[in-house]
Amino acid sequence: MKYIIFLLLFFATYLNANTQLQRNYYVTHPYVTLSDIFPESKDDTILYRMEHNKHILRVKEKKLLAILSRYGYKNLQHKYPYIQFTQKSPINTIKLENAIKKLYSKLYSDIEIIAINTQPRNFITQLPKNYTIHFPKKAYLKQHATFYIKTPQKHKIFFDYEIKARINVYITRNTLHKGDELSTINLKKKSIMLKKFAAMPLQELHSGMYEAKHTIKQSQIVTQRDILPLVYIKRGSDVSVWLEENGIAINFSAKALQNGRLHEIIKVKNKNRKTIKVRVTGRNKAEVI
């Protein structure tokens, strides 16, 4: 029995030591209980009450830690000077959450959405009957973002949301240099939690699609900012050019005067030193336009 009690105390201490206080907690009532911070405790002891007609409470983290310590919650991890408690608005947010899901699912292939939470910036008791939903241009690059709904009367209501989701990205196996072709030899697919990106991560990778736009360090997530369509024809290289006219196909060799990516139009020079415009169709292949 003593051994079991020891184990319980050990695990309780371990859990406390590994609990990170959040910056913001949502509560369903105008007061804060222990169970709002530690749901597993199911303790309804009231720690704070919000002022009348107030729906947000900010407390100093040090004072909150002192109170929690008295209830046995010690050695908590913390990094914010203030902790905020926000009373949830009693509204149905399913339509809004579905819009968020649609936005992310459209842009991320194979996304696994675990949870979505959204709350209005200000406390409201109901949503308007008619409204449109508006997201910032690059909201999909973030786990946390803000959007607004607009009524026919042009009234705006702002919402904060958080999405927990896993996505697939490509990580460099080694340092890549400008012009290196991207492939499964130098990139590997990895599943990660969506956090925040400077640009859209690379979603698909097929042979002969992309090259490095600049140096990309080892173990770095590859984004659209880091890549360019692969150069199929390099300036100065020999190009096999096809010309189809009146049902007759003619093939001849020419020298590339420019770099060319798939479907781009470049200039080449034939053996008679005549400059011709061609469309890139493959590696060192083109057709007269």
Protein backbone atom coordinates (compact mmCIF):
# COMPACT_ATOMS: atom_id res chain seq x y z
CA MET A 1 0.00 0.00 0.00
CA LYS A 2 2.83 2.40 0.93
CA TYR A 3 4.49 1.58 -2.40
CA ILE A 4 1.32 2.49 -4.31
CA ILE A 5 0.97 5.78 -2.42
CA PHE A 6 4.62 6.54 -3.18
CA LEU A 7 4.05 5.90 -6.88
CA LEU A 8 0.97 8.14 -6.93
CA LEU A 9 2.89 10.94 -5.24
CA PHE A 10 5.80 10.44 -7.63
CA PHE A 11 3.60 10.66 -10.73
CA ALA A 12 1.70 13.66 -9.32
CA THR A 13 5.01 15.45 -8.79
CA TYR A 14 6.17 14.42 -12.27
CA LEU A 15 2.99 15.74 -13.90
CA ASN A 16 3.18 19.01 -11.98
CA ALA A 17 6.81 19.46 -13.00
CA ASN A 18 5.92 19.01 -16.64
CA THR A 19 2.81 21.18 -16.77
CA GLN A 20 3.19 24.36 -18.81
CA LEU A 21 0.86 27.19 -17.84
CA GLN A 22 -0.94 28.58 -20.87
CA ARG A 23 -1.11 32.26 -21.75
CA ASN A 24 -4.90 32.18 -22.08
CA TYR A 25 -7.57 29.92 -20.60
CA TYR A 26 -11.21 29.84 -21.70
CA VAL A 27 -13.84 29.41 -19.01
CA THR A 28 -17.58 28.89 -19.29
CA HIS A 29 -18.52 31.07 -16.31
CA PRO A 30 -17.57 34.50 -14.85
CA TYR A 31 -15.13 32.93 -12.40
CA VAL A 32 -12.05 30.71 -12.44
CA THR A 33 -11.77 27.31 -10.78
CA LEU A 34 -8.91 24.86 -10.36
CA SER A 35 -10.52 22.56 -12.93
CA ASP A 36 -10.35 25.36 -15.52
CA ILE A 37 -6.55 25.15 -15.27
CA PHE A 38 -6.26 21.43 -14.48
CA PRO A 39 -9.29 19.66 -16.03
CA GLU A 40 -8.13 16.29 -14.71
CA SER A 41 -8.54 17.50 -11.11
CA LYS A 42 -12.32 18.20 -11.43
CA ASP A 43 -11.89 20.55 -8.47
CA ASP A 44 -14.48 23.36 -8.54
CA THR A 45 -12.69 25.49 -5.96
CA ILE A 46 -13.06 29.12 -7.10
CA LEU A 47 -9.77 30.98 -7.40
CA TYR A 48 -10.95 34.26 -8.95
CA ARG A 49 -14.18 36.03 -9.82
CA MET A 50 -14.53 38.41 -12.76
CA GLU A 51 -15.85 41.91 -12.17
CA HIS A 52 -19.49 42.59 -12.99
CA ASN A 53 -20.07 42.76 -16.76
CA LYS A 54 -16.43 41.89 -17.34
CA HIS A 55 -15.55 38.76 -19.31
CA ILE A 56 -11.74 38.88 -19.25
CA LEU A 57 -9.50 38.58 -16.22
CA ARG A 58 -5.70 39.05 -16.27
CA VAL A 59 -3.64 37.99 -13.28
CA LYS A 60 0.08 38.15 -12.57
CA GLU A 61 1.65 34.77 -13.11
CA LYS A 62 3.64 34.93 -9.87
CA LYS A 63 0.48 35.46 -7.81
CA LEU A 64 -1.29 32.60 -9.63
CA LEU A 65 1.68 30.29 -9.01
CA ALA A 66 1.59 31.13 -5.29
CA ILE A 67 -2.12 30.24 -5.11
CA LEU A 68 -1.68 27.01 -7.06
CA SER A 69 1.23 26.01 -4.82
CA ARG A 70 -1.11 26.13 -1.80
CA TYR A 71 -3.30 23.55 -3.54
CA GLY A 72 -0.36 21.22 -4.19
CA TYR A 73 0.51 22.32 -7.72
CA LYS A 74 4.20 23.09 -7.53
CA ASN A 75 7.18 23.30 -9.90
CA LEU A 76 4.93 24.38 -12.79
CA GLN A 77 6.63 25.56 -15.96
CA HIS A 78 5.86 29.17 -16.82
CA LYS A 79 7.05 31.89 -19.20
CA TYR A 80 4.38 34.62 -19.30
CA PRO A 81 4.22 37.63 -16.95
CA TYR A 82 0.41 37.54 -17.05
CA ILE A 83 -2.17 34.78 -17.46
CA GLN A 84 -5.52 35.65 -19.04
CA PHE A 85 -8.87 33.98 -18.39
CA THR A 86 -11.56 34.60 -21.01
CA GLN A 87 -15.21 33.73 -20.57
CA LYS A 88 -16.51 31.83 -23.60
CA SER A 89 -19.38 33.37 -25.49
CA PRO A 90 -22.43 31.06 -25.51
CA ILE A 91 -22.63 30.84 -29.30
CA ASN A 92 -22.55 28.00 -31.80
CA THR A 93 -19.26 28.25 -33.71
CA ILE A 94 -19.63 25.12 -35.87
CA LYS A 95 -20.16 27.13 -39.07
CA LEU A 96 -17.05 29.20 -38.37
CA GLU A 97 -14.97 26.14 -37.52
CA ASN A 98 -16.13 24.43 -40.72
CA ALA A 99 -14.94 27.47 -42.69
CA ILE A 100 -11.52 27.23 -41.02
CA LYS A 101 -11.40 23.50 -41.78
CA LYS A 102 -12.28 24.15 -45.43
CA LEU A 103 -9.55 26.80 -45.76
CA TYR A 104 -6.78 24.57 -44.40
CA SER A 105 -7.98 21.38 -46.11
CA LYS A 106 -7.96 23.15 -49.48
CA LEU A 107 -4.34 24.25 -49.13
CA TYR A 108 -2.71 21.35 -47.26
CA SER A 109 -2.80 17.90 -48.82
CA ASP A 110 -3.29 15.02 -46.37
CA ILE A 111 -3.89 17.39 -43.44
CA GLU A 112 -5.08 15.72 -40.23
CA ILE A 113 -7.16 18.21 -38.24
CA ILE A 114 -7.28 17.28 -34.57
CA ALA A 115 -9.20 20.21 -33.10
CA ILE A 116 -10.35 23.76 -33.88
CA ASN A 117 -11.23 26.35 -31.27
CA THR A 118 -12.59 29.81 -32.08
CA GLN A 119 -13.86 32.60 -29.87
CA PRO A 120 -14.94 36.21 -30.52
CA ARG A 121 -12.59 38.96 -29.39
CA ASN A 122 -15.44 40.47 -27.39
CA PHE A 123 -18.10 38.65 -25.42
CA ILE A 124 -21.30 38.17 -27.45
CA THR A 125 -24.46 36.20 -26.70
CA GLN A 126 -25.46 35.42 -30.29
CA LEU A 127 -24.30 35.55 -33.88
CA PRO A 128 -26.04 37.70 -36.51
CA LYS A 129 -28.43 35.84 -38.81
CA ASN A 130 -26.56 36.77 -41.98
CA TYR A 131 -22.85 37.33 -42.39
CA THR A 132 -19.83 36.56 -44.55
CA ILE A 133 -16.52 35.16 -43.27
CA HIS A 134 -13.22 36.89 -44.09
CA PHE A 135 -9.73 35.48 -43.46
CA PRO A 136 -6.41 37.36 -43.78
CA LYS A 137 -4.43 36.42 -46.89
CA LYS A 138 -1.88 34.27 -45.07
CA ALA A 139 -3.91 32.99 -42.15
CA TYR A 140 -3.35 29.40 -43.34
CA LEU A 141 0.36 29.70 -42.50
CA LYS A 142 -0.40 29.94 -38.78
CA GLN A 143 -1.77 27.81 -36.00
CA HIS A 144 -3.22 30.92 -34.32
CA ALA A 145 -4.86 33.65 -36.36
CA THR A 146 -7.69 36.20 -36.45
CA PHE A 147 -10.59 36.56 -38.87
CA TYR A 148 -13.83 38.51 -38.94
CA ILE A 149 -17.43 38.12 -40.01
CA LYS A 150 -19.25 40.98 -41.74
CA THR A 151 -22.97 41.64 -41.66
CA PRO A 152 -25.00 43.16 -44.54
CA GLN A 153 -24.80 46.41 -42.55
CA LYS A 154 -20.96 46.12 -42.80
CA HIS A 155 -20.57 45.53 -39.08
CA LYS A 156 -17.46 43.46 -38.32
CA ILE A 157 -17.04 40.98 -35.47
CA PHE A 158 -13.49 39.67 -34.92
CA PHE A 159 -12.60 36.15 -33.82
CA ASP A 160 -9.40 34.45 -32.66
CA TYR A 161 -8.90 30.82 -33.51
CA GLU A 162 -6.47 27.98 -32.93
CA ILE A 163 -6.17 24.91 -35.12
CA LYS A 164 -4.37 21.76 -34.03
CA ALA A 165 -3.38 19.73 -37.06
CA ARG A 166 -0.68 17.52 -38.50
CA ILE A 167 0.68 18.14 -41.98
CA ASN A 168 3.31 16.56 -44.23
CA VAL A 169 6.38 18.60 -45.16
CA TYR A 170 9.69 17.92 -46.86
CA ILE A 171 12.95 18.23 -44.89
CA THR A 172 16.41 18.49 -46.45
CA ARG A 173 18.62 15.46 -45.80
CA ASN A 174 21.73 17.55 -46.40
CA THR A 175 22.61 21.12 -47.41
CA LEU A 176 21.34 21.96 -50.91
CA HIS A 177 22.88 24.54 -53.20
CA LYS A 178 21.36 26.83 -55.79
CA GLY A 179 20.32 24.85 -58.85
CA ASP A 180 20.31 21.41 -57.17
CA GLU A 181 17.41 19.27 -58.33
CA LEU A 182 14.99 18.31 -55.54
CA SER A 183 14.21 14.62 -55.17
CA THR A 184 13.67 11.93 -52.55
CA ILE A 185 17.45 11.49 -52.56
CA ASN A 186 18.03 14.85 -50.86
CA LEU A 187 14.57 15.40 -49.28
CA LYS A 188 12.50 13.31 -46.91
CA LYS A 189 8.82 13.58 -46.03
CA LYS A 190 7.97 14.24 -42.39
CA SER A 191 4.72 14.65 -40.46
CA ILE A 192 4.73 17.64 -38.08
CA MET A 193 2.29 19.74 -36.06
CA LEU A 194 1.27 22.89 -37.90
CA LYS A 195 2.80 25.89 -36.10
CA LYS A 196 3.85 28.93 -38.11
CA PHE A 197 5.53 29.18 -41.50
CA ALA A 198 7.11 32.09 -43.36
CA ALA A 199 5.83 30.59 -46.63
CA MET A 200 3.79 27.62 -47.82
CA PRO A 201 5.65 24.33 -47.25
CA LEU A 202 6.33 22.14 -50.26
CA GLN A 203 3.40 19.71 -50.49
CA GLU A 204 4.23 17.46 -53.45
CA LEU A 205 7.48 16.22 -54.89
CA HIS A 206 7.92 14.45 -58.20
CA SER A 207 11.07 13.77 -60.17
CA GLY A 208 12.08 16.62 -62.45
CA MET A 209 9.82 19.26 -60.85
CA TYR A 210 11.92 21.68 -58.81
CA GLU A 211 15.40 22.96 -58.09
CA ALA A 212 16.80 24.93 -55.14
CA LYS A 213 16.42 28.70 -55.52
CA HIS A 214 19.26 29.30 -53.08
CA THR A 215 21.25 27.43 -50.45
CA ILE A 216 18.97 25.41 -48.14
CA LYS A 217 20.55 24.17 -44.93
CA GLN A 218 20.33 20.59 -43.69
CA SER A 219 17.19 19.56 -41.75
CA GLN A 220 15.27 22.65 -42.97
CA ILE A 221 11.62 22.61 -44.05
CA VAL A 222 11.41 23.40 -47.76
CA THR A 223 8.87 26.10 -48.70
CA GLN A 224 7.70 27.69 -51.93
CA ARG A 225 10.19 30.52 -51.30
CA ASP A 226 13.05 28.04 -51.57
CA ILE A 227 12.27 26.47 -54.94
CA LEU A 228 11.93 27.17 -58.65
CA PRO A 229 10.70 25.00 -61.51
CA LEU A 230 13.60 22.85 -62.69
CA VAL A 231 15.70 24.18 -65.57
CA TYR A 232 15.26 21.67 -68.42
CA ILE A 233 17.56 23.44 -70.88
CA LYS A 234 20.72 25.27 -69.85
CA ARG A 235 22.24 28.11 -71.83
CA GLY A 236 24.93 26.85 -74.21
CA SER A 237 23.67 23.26 -74.24
CA ASP A 238 22.65 21.30 -77.34
CA VAL A 239 18.89 21.10 -77.88
CA SER A 240 16.93 18.61 -79.95
CA VAL A 241 14.30 20.73 -81.75
CA TRP A 242 11.20 19.43 -83.52
CA LEU A 243 9.34 21.27 -86.25
CA GLU A 244 6.02 19.97 -87.57
CA GLU A 245 4.74 21.55 -90.77
CA ASN A 246 2.16 20.29 -93.26
CA GLY A 247 2.10 16.93 -91.54
CA ILE A 248 5.86 16.49 -91.79
CA ALA A 249 8.01 16.35 -88.66
CA ILE A 250 11.59 17.60 -88.86
CA ASN A 251 14.18 17.22 -86.13
CA PHE A 252 17.37 19.25 -85.92
CA SER A 253 20.01 20.25 -83.39
CA ALA A 254 20.44 23.79 -82.04
CA LYS A 255 22.35 25.67 -79.37
CA ALA A 256 20.41 27.17 -76.43
CA LEU A 257 20.86 30.92 -76.03
CA GLN A 258 18.92 30.98 -72.71
CA ASN A 259 18.01 28.80 -69.77
CA GLY A 260 14.57 27.27 -70.16
CA ARG A 261 12.04 25.67 -67.82
CA LEU A 262 9.22 23.38 -68.89
CA HIS A 263 6.79 25.14 -71.30
CA GLU A 264 8.87 28.34 -71.34
CA ILE A 265 9.69 30.00 -74.66
CA ILE A 266 13.41 30.55 -75.27
CA LYS A 267 15.72 31.35 -78.14
CA VAL A 268 18.05 28.84 -79.82
CA LYS A 269 20.47 29.11 -82.74
CA ASN A 270 20.55 26.45 -85.47
CA LYS A 271 23.57 25.32 -87.52
CA ASN A 272 22.91 28.10 -90.02
CA ARG A 273 23.28 30.56 -87.10
CA LYS A 274 19.65 31.55 -87.39
CA THR A 275 17.90 32.48 -84.12
CA ILE A 276 14.63 30.59 -83.56
CA LYS A 277 12.00 30.79 -80.80
CA VAL A 278 11.10 27.40 -79.31
CA ARG A 279 8.97 26.04 -76.46
CA VAL A 280 10.67 23.75 -73.92
CA THR A 281 9.07 20.29 -73.92
CA GLY A 282 11.57 18.22 -71.91
CA ARG A 283 15.21 17.85 -70.92
CA ASN A 284 17.17 19.42 -73.78
CA LYS A 285 14.07 19.09 -75.98
CA ALA A 286 11.96 21.79 -77.58
CA GLU A 287 9.51 22.50 -80.41
CA VAL A 288 9.38 25.42 -82.82
CA ILE A 289 6.45 27.74 -82.08
